[in-house]
Protein backbone atom coordinates (compact mmCIF):
# COMPACT_ATOMS: atom_id res chain seq x y z
CA MET A 1 81.92 -25.73 -58.45
CA LEU A 2 80.20 -28.47 -60.42
CA LEU A 3 80.26 -28.08 -64.19
CA HIS A 4 77.49 -29.70 -66.21
CA PRO A 5 79.11 -32.33 -68.47
CA GLU A 6 78.04 -30.48 -71.63
CA VAL A 7 79.62 -27.26 -70.37
CA ALA A 8 82.78 -29.02 -69.21
CA ASP A 9 83.17 -30.74 -72.58
CA ALA A 10 82.65 -27.49 -74.49
CA LEU A 11 85.20 -25.60 -72.38
CA ALA A 12 87.76 -28.41 -72.66
CA ALA A 13 87.36 -28.48 -76.44
CA GLY A 14 87.49 -24.70 -76.81
CA ARG A 15 83.93 -24.50 -78.08
CA PRO A 16 81.83 -21.36 -77.40
CA VAL A 17 80.00 -21.13 -74.07
CA VAL A 18 77.70 -18.38 -72.76
CA ALA A 19 76.92 -17.90 -69.08
CA LEU A 20 73.36 -17.08 -68.00
CA GLU A 21 72.13 -15.75 -64.66
CA SER A 22 69.40 -17.42 -62.64
CA THR A 23 67.91 -14.48 -60.72
CA ILE A 24 65.85 -13.62 -63.78
CA ILE A 25 64.31 -17.08 -63.47
CA SER A 26 63.62 -17.05 -59.73
CA HIS A 27 62.89 -13.36 -59.07
CA GLY A 28 62.66 -11.49 -62.37
CA LEU A 29 59.85 -13.30 -64.20
CA PRO A 30 56.44 -14.47 -62.97
CA ARG A 31 55.52 -18.11 -62.57
CA PRO A 32 54.80 -20.28 -64.46
CA ASP A 33 56.21 -18.35 -67.42
CA ASN A 34 59.67 -18.19 -65.85
CA LEU A 35 60.57 -21.84 -66.44
CA ALA A 36 59.46 -21.79 -70.06
CA VAL A 37 61.39 -18.57 -70.66
CA ALA A 38 64.51 -20.02 -69.00
CA ARG A 39 64.41 -22.86 -71.50
CA GLN A 40 63.88 -20.40 -74.35
CA ILE A 41 66.93 -18.39 -73.28
CA GLU A 42 69.09 -21.51 -73.31
CA GLU A 43 67.70 -22.40 -76.73
CA ALA A 44 68.55 -18.90 -78.02
CA VAL A 45 72.17 -19.51 -77.01
CA ARG A 46 72.13 -22.82 -78.87
CA LEU A 47 70.64 -21.16 -81.96
CA GLY A 48 73.52 -18.70 -81.86
CA GLY A 49 75.97 -21.61 -81.96
CA ALA A 50 77.10 -21.83 -78.33
CA THR A 51 76.52 -23.96 -75.23
CA PRO A 52 74.39 -22.34 -72.50
CA ALA A 53 75.64 -22.39 -68.90
CA THR A 54 72.92 -21.21 -66.53
CA ILE A 55 74.50 -20.66 -63.12
CA ALA A 56 72.91 -21.21 -59.70
CA VAL A 57 73.59 -22.70 -56.28
CA VAL A 58 71.66 -25.94 -55.66
CA ASP A 59 71.92 -27.78 -52.32
CA GLY A 60 74.96 -25.71 -51.45
CA VAL A 61 76.81 -26.52 -54.67
CA VAL A 62 77.62 -23.93 -57.33
CA ARG A 63 76.32 -25.36 -60.60
CA ILE A 64 77.76 -24.11 -63.89
CA GLY A 65 75.06 -25.32 -66.23
CA LEU A 66 71.79 -26.77 -64.96
CA ASP A 67 69.94 -29.92 -65.89
CA ASP A 68 66.18 -29.63 -66.32
CA ASP A 69 65.41 -30.71 -62.75
CA ALA A 70 67.69 -28.03 -61.29
CA LEU A 71 66.27 -25.41 -63.66
CA ALA A 72 62.74 -26.32 -62.53
CA ARG A 73 63.78 -26.10 -58.90
CA VAL A 74 65.22 -22.61 -59.30
CA ALA A 75 62.09 -21.53 -61.14
CA GLY A 76 59.55 -23.07 -58.77
CA SER A 77 60.92 -23.03 -55.22
CA ASP A 78 60.09 -20.32 -52.68
CA ASP A 79 63.36 -21.00 -50.87
CA VAL A 80 65.75 -19.79 -53.56
CA VAL A 81 67.78 -16.84 -52.25
CA LYS A 82 68.75 -13.95 -54.51
CA ALA A 83 72.52 -14.25 -54.11
CA SER A 84 75.06 -11.64 -55.13
CA VAL A 85 78.80 -12.12 -54.62
CA ARG A 86 78.70 -11.44 -50.89
CA GLU A 87 75.95 -14.03 -50.29
CA ILE A 88 77.37 -16.96 -52.29
CA ALA A 89 79.60 -18.32 -49.53
CA ALA A 90 76.79 -18.25 -46.96
CA VAL A 91 74.39 -20.05 -49.32
CA VAL A 92 77.00 -22.69 -50.09
CA ALA A 93 78.03 -23.16 -46.45
CA THR A 94 74.43 -23.63 -45.31
CA GLY A 95 73.57 -26.03 -48.13
CA GLY A 96 70.96 -23.68 -49.55
CA ASP A 97 69.66 -22.78 -52.98
CA GLY A 98 70.66 -19.48 -54.54
CA ALA A 99 69.87 -17.67 -57.75
CA THR A 100 72.85 -15.73 -59.07
CA THR A 101 72.66 -12.03 -59.89
CA VAL A 102 74.63 -10.32 -62.65
CA ALA A 103 77.51 -9.80 -60.19
CA SER A 104 77.69 -13.34 -58.87
CA THR A 105 77.12 -14.87 -62.30
CA ALA A 106 79.97 -12.80 -63.71
CA HIS A 107 82.26 -13.82 -60.85
CA LEU A 108 81.48 -17.53 -61.07
CA ALA A 109 81.51 -17.62 -64.87
CA ALA A 110 84.96 -16.05 -64.96
CA ARG A 111 86.24 -18.58 -62.40
CA ALA A 112 84.92 -21.37 -64.60
CA GLY A 113 86.73 -19.95 -67.65
CA ILE A 114 83.68 -18.49 -69.40
CA SER A 115 84.22 -15.05 -70.93
CA LEU A 116 80.75 -14.25 -72.36
CA PHE A 117 77.64 -13.63 -70.31
CA ALA A 118 74.14 -12.66 -71.44
CA THR A 119 71.51 -11.01 -69.26
CA GLY A 120 68.57 -8.66 -69.54
CA GLY A 121 69.65 -5.44 -67.89
CA LEU A 122 72.70 -4.47 -65.89
CA GLY A 123 72.33 -3.22 -62.32
CA GLY A 124 73.45 0.31 -61.59
CA VAL A 125 73.17 3.41 -59.47
CA HIS A 126 69.73 3.87 -57.92
CA ARG A 127 67.86 7.13 -58.28
CA ASP A 128 68.14 8.03 -54.60
CA ALA A 129 71.80 7.03 -54.30
CA ARG A 130 72.77 10.57 -53.25
CA ASP A 131 71.04 9.84 -49.94
CA THR A 132 71.12 6.04 -49.70
CA TRP A 133 74.43 5.14 -51.41
CA ASP A 134 72.45 2.40 -53.13
CA GLU A 135 74.52 1.09 -56.01
CA SER A 136 74.40 -2.38 -57.53
CA ALA A 137 77.31 -4.70 -56.82
CA ASP A 138 77.24 -5.43 -60.57
CA LEU A 139 79.31 -2.32 -61.25
CA TYR A 140 82.12 -3.01 -58.79
CA THR A 141 82.25 -6.69 -59.74
CA LEU A 142 82.65 -5.81 -63.42
CA SER A 143 85.51 -3.47 -62.50
CA ARG A 144 87.55 -6.47 -61.33
CA THR A 145 86.24 -9.37 -63.42
CA ALA A 146 87.39 -10.44 -66.87
CA ILE A 147 84.03 -10.96 -68.52
CA THR A 148 81.95 -9.42 -71.28
CA VAL A 149 78.26 -8.85 -70.54
CA VAL A 150 75.69 -8.50 -73.31
CA CYS A 151 72.68 -6.58 -71.99
CA ALA A 152 69.98 -4.09 -72.99
CA GLY A 153 71.60 -1.31 -70.97
CA VAL A 154 70.29 -0.75 -67.45
CA LYS A 155 66.73 -0.85 -66.23
CA SER A 156 64.96 2.50 -66.58
CA ILE A 157 64.16 2.44 -62.86
CA LEU A 158 67.82 3.37 -62.25
CA ASP A 159 69.82 6.59 -62.56
CA VAL A 160 71.20 6.07 -66.06
CA PRO A 161 73.69 8.97 -66.29
CA ALA A 162 75.11 8.21 -62.84
CA THR A 163 75.50 4.55 -63.84
CA LEU A 164 77.39 5.51 -66.99
CA GLU A 165 79.66 7.77 -64.95
CA ARG A 166 80.40 4.96 -62.51
CA LEU A 167 81.20 2.55 -65.35
CA GLU A 168 83.67 5.10 -66.69
CA THR A 169 85.27 5.61 -63.27
CA LEU A 170 85.58 1.85 -62.77
CA ASN A 171 87.22 1.34 -66.19
CA VAL A 172 84.40 -0.85 -67.46
CA GLY A 173 84.24 -0.51 -71.24
CA VAL A 174 80.87 0.10 -72.92
CA VAL A 175 80.18 -0.37 -76.63
CA GLY A 176 76.86 -0.01 -78.38
CA TYR A 177 75.80 -2.84 -80.67
CA ARG A 178 74.54 -1.09 -83.80
CA THR A 179 73.56 1.93 -81.72
CA ASP A 180 75.04 5.30 -80.76
CA VAL A 181 72.91 5.65 -77.63
CA PHE A 182 72.78 3.68 -74.41
CA PRO A 183 69.67 1.46 -74.31
CA GLY A 184 67.10 1.85 -71.55
CA PHE A 185 66.01 -1.78 -71.15
CA TYR A 186 62.33 -1.52 -72.17
CA LEU A 187 63.32 1.38 -74.47
CA ARG A 188 65.90 1.42 -77.24
CA ASP A 189 67.12 4.89 -76.29
CA SER A 190 67.75 6.04 -72.71
CA GLY A 191 68.64 9.52 -73.95
CA TYR A 192 72.38 9.22 -73.26
CA PRO A 193 75.01 8.86 -76.00
CA LEU A 194 77.71 6.23 -76.32
CA HIS A 195 81.25 6.89 -77.54
CA TRP A 196 81.83 3.54 -79.21
CA ARG A 197 79.75 1.50 -81.63
CA VAL A 198 80.25 -1.95 -83.18
CA GLU A 199 78.36 -3.45 -86.09
CA SER A 200 78.90 -7.19 -85.83
CA PRO A 201 79.83 -10.04 -83.47
CA ALA A 202 83.18 -10.19 -85.25
CA ALA A 203 83.80 -6.53 -84.43
CA VAL A 204 83.09 -7.19 -80.74
CA ALA A 205 85.54 -10.10 -80.84
CA GLU A 206 88.21 -7.80 -82.26
CA VAL A 207 87.72 -5.38 -79.38
CA LEU A 208 88.10 -8.25 -76.91
CA ARG A 209 91.30 -9.43 -78.60
CA ALA A 210 92.70 -5.89 -78.47
CA ARG A 211 91.93 -5.77 -74.75
CA ILE A 212 94.03 -8.90 -74.24
CA GLU A 213 96.96 -7.43 -76.18
CA LEU A 214 96.78 -4.18 -74.21
CA GLY A 215 96.35 -5.78 -70.81
CA THR A 216 92.99 -4.13 -70.08
CA ASP A 217 91.10 -7.42 -70.06
CA GLY A 218 91.09 -7.62 -66.26
CA TYR A 219 88.13 -5.24 -66.34
CA GLY A 220 84.68 -6.21 -67.55
CA MET A 221 83.09 -4.92 -70.74
CA VAL A 222 79.47 -4.16 -71.53
CA VAL A 223 77.97 -4.74 -74.97
CA ALA A 224 74.81 -2.65 -74.98
CA ASN A 225 72.27 -4.28 -77.30
CA PRO A 226 68.93 -2.43 -77.68
CA VAL A 227 65.66 -4.34 -77.51
CA PRO A 228 64.48 -5.25 -81.04
CA VAL A 229 62.49 -2.43 -82.67
CA ASP A 230 59.23 -4.35 -82.85
CA ASP A 231 59.42 -5.34 -79.17
CA GLU A 232 60.10 -1.93 -77.62
CA LEU A 233 57.58 -0.82 -75.00
CA ASP A 234 55.50 2.23 -75.91
CA ARG A 235 57.36 5.21 -74.42
CA GLY A 236 54.24 6.93 -73.12
CA LEU A 237 53.08 3.77 -71.39
CA HIS A 238 56.57 3.23 -70.03
CA ASP A 239 56.88 6.72 -68.56
CA ARG A 240 53.46 6.62 -66.89
CA THR A 241 54.08 3.17 -65.43
CA LEU A 242 57.55 4.06 -64.18
CA ALA A 243 56.32 7.16 -62.36
CA ALA A 244 53.56 5.19 -60.66
CA ALA A 245 55.89 2.30 -59.81
CA LEU A 246 58.49 4.53 -58.17
CA GLU A 247 55.81 6.24 -56.10
CA ALA A 248 54.37 2.88 -55.04
CA ALA A 249 57.79 1.52 -54.05
CA SER A 250 58.50 4.58 -51.94
CA ALA A 251 55.10 4.39 -50.24
CA ALA A 252 55.62 0.70 -49.48
CA GLY A 253 59.11 1.27 -48.09
CA VAL A 254 60.72 -1.07 -50.59
CA THR A 255 64.51 -0.69 -50.60
CA GLY A 256 67.75 -2.37 -51.67
CA LYS A 257 67.67 -5.59 -53.66
CA ASP A 258 63.87 -5.80 -53.28
CA VAL A 259 63.34 -2.72 -55.46
CA THR A 260 63.98 -4.36 -58.82
CA PRO A 261 61.58 -7.34 -58.47
CA PHE A 262 58.93 -5.00 -56.99
CA LEU A 263 59.13 -2.60 -59.92
CA LEU A 264 59.30 -5.33 -62.54
CA GLY A 265 56.20 -6.92 -61.03
CA TRP A 266 54.45 -3.54 -61.07
CA PHE A 267 55.34 -3.05 -64.74
CA ASN A 268 54.02 -6.50 -65.63
CA ARG A 269 50.68 -5.92 -63.89
CA GLU A 270 50.12 -2.35 -65.03
CA THR A 271 51.09 -2.92 -68.66
CA HIS A 272 48.99 -6.11 -68.74
CA GLY A 273 51.96 -8.22 -69.74
CA GLU A 274 53.43 -5.91 -72.39
CA SER A 275 56.54 -5.21 -70.32
CA LEU A 276 57.02 -8.93 -69.73
CA ALA A 277 56.91 -9.58 -73.47
CA THR A 278 59.51 -6.85 -73.97
CA ASN A 279 61.67 -8.26 -71.19
CA VAL A 280 61.60 -11.73 -72.71
CA ALA A 281 62.35 -10.40 -76.21
CA LEU A 282 65.40 -8.45 -75.10
CA VAL A 283 66.83 -11.33 -73.06
CA LEU A 284 66.46 -13.71 -76.00
CA SER A 285 68.11 -11.17 -78.30
CA ASN A 286 71.01 -10.72 -75.88
CA ALA A 287 71.46 -14.48 -75.47
CA GLN A 288 71.73 -15.06 -79.20
CA LEU A 289 74.11 -12.12 -79.69
CA ALA A 290 76.36 -13.32 -76.86
CA ALA A 291 76.45 -16.75 -78.50
CA GLU A 292 77.41 -15.25 -81.85
CA ILE A 293 80.23 -13.29 -80.21
CA ALA A 294 81.39 -16.44 -78.41
CA VAL A 295 81.47 -18.27 -81.76
CA GLU A 296 83.69 -15.55 -83.23
CA LEU A 297 86.04 -15.78 -80.26
CA ALA A 298 86.23 -19.57 -80.56
CA ARG A 299 87.34 -19.26 -84.19
CA SER A 300 90.43 -17.39 -83.04
CA PRO A 301 90.79 -17.87 -79.26
CA LEU A 302 91.98 -15.05 -77.03
């Protein structure tokens, strides 16, 4: 792994660092907006008081923190592979370019010594998993990785209750940030309650310290942060678009890791950009919150 000098210096000095995934740049957002948004996400981390560390594989090298040229390459190249944990080694060995998913970002961030990670939405159990066994590697990876992920819940295209059940089975902790319900990505409320709520970055840091003392820190933790009120997608528009998107994906035979980018693209087109604006708003909110939590941890290291 190659650490960007700024990231290496921050880690060595015990300053706060927040990991960021790169799949959202290469596959989750449309061009040319994706590059500008990637820079905005890094800036949100800086505004929160931490150093951003966007993770990707470039020319077969895992990069923890990207310079602007590497960021532009991930955003603009058609040859960037969407790489989860199982694909990283192949991308590295073949000298390729890879954008890291939630799972691979969590894995690589933890190896680099980064304990906070911000993303948009967590992967989960797919709606047809009873027949396909389709479940995101994010869940299993979090069950064995010491990292805290700040996200806006899981994407509404997934089976939310099944995902929550799997998180419980896998011992992945979930706390709501100023909410008693699990967020639904574009929506603040997925309809499913949470058992634990925190009110501040300092409160999240206390939970993380308690995990260290109790020896449960080998498992990941999810901080579920709802999209800001003013940026939530209209629920009626959301429900209509989701139904049409799922039908279109089925008709087109889209499966596996291609489902999420297909449905996100559908949402962007059919909502005339409203879903994209919501997506960007929630990612920026998560990035700043993760930075604020990282700052609290740096004040009294784990």
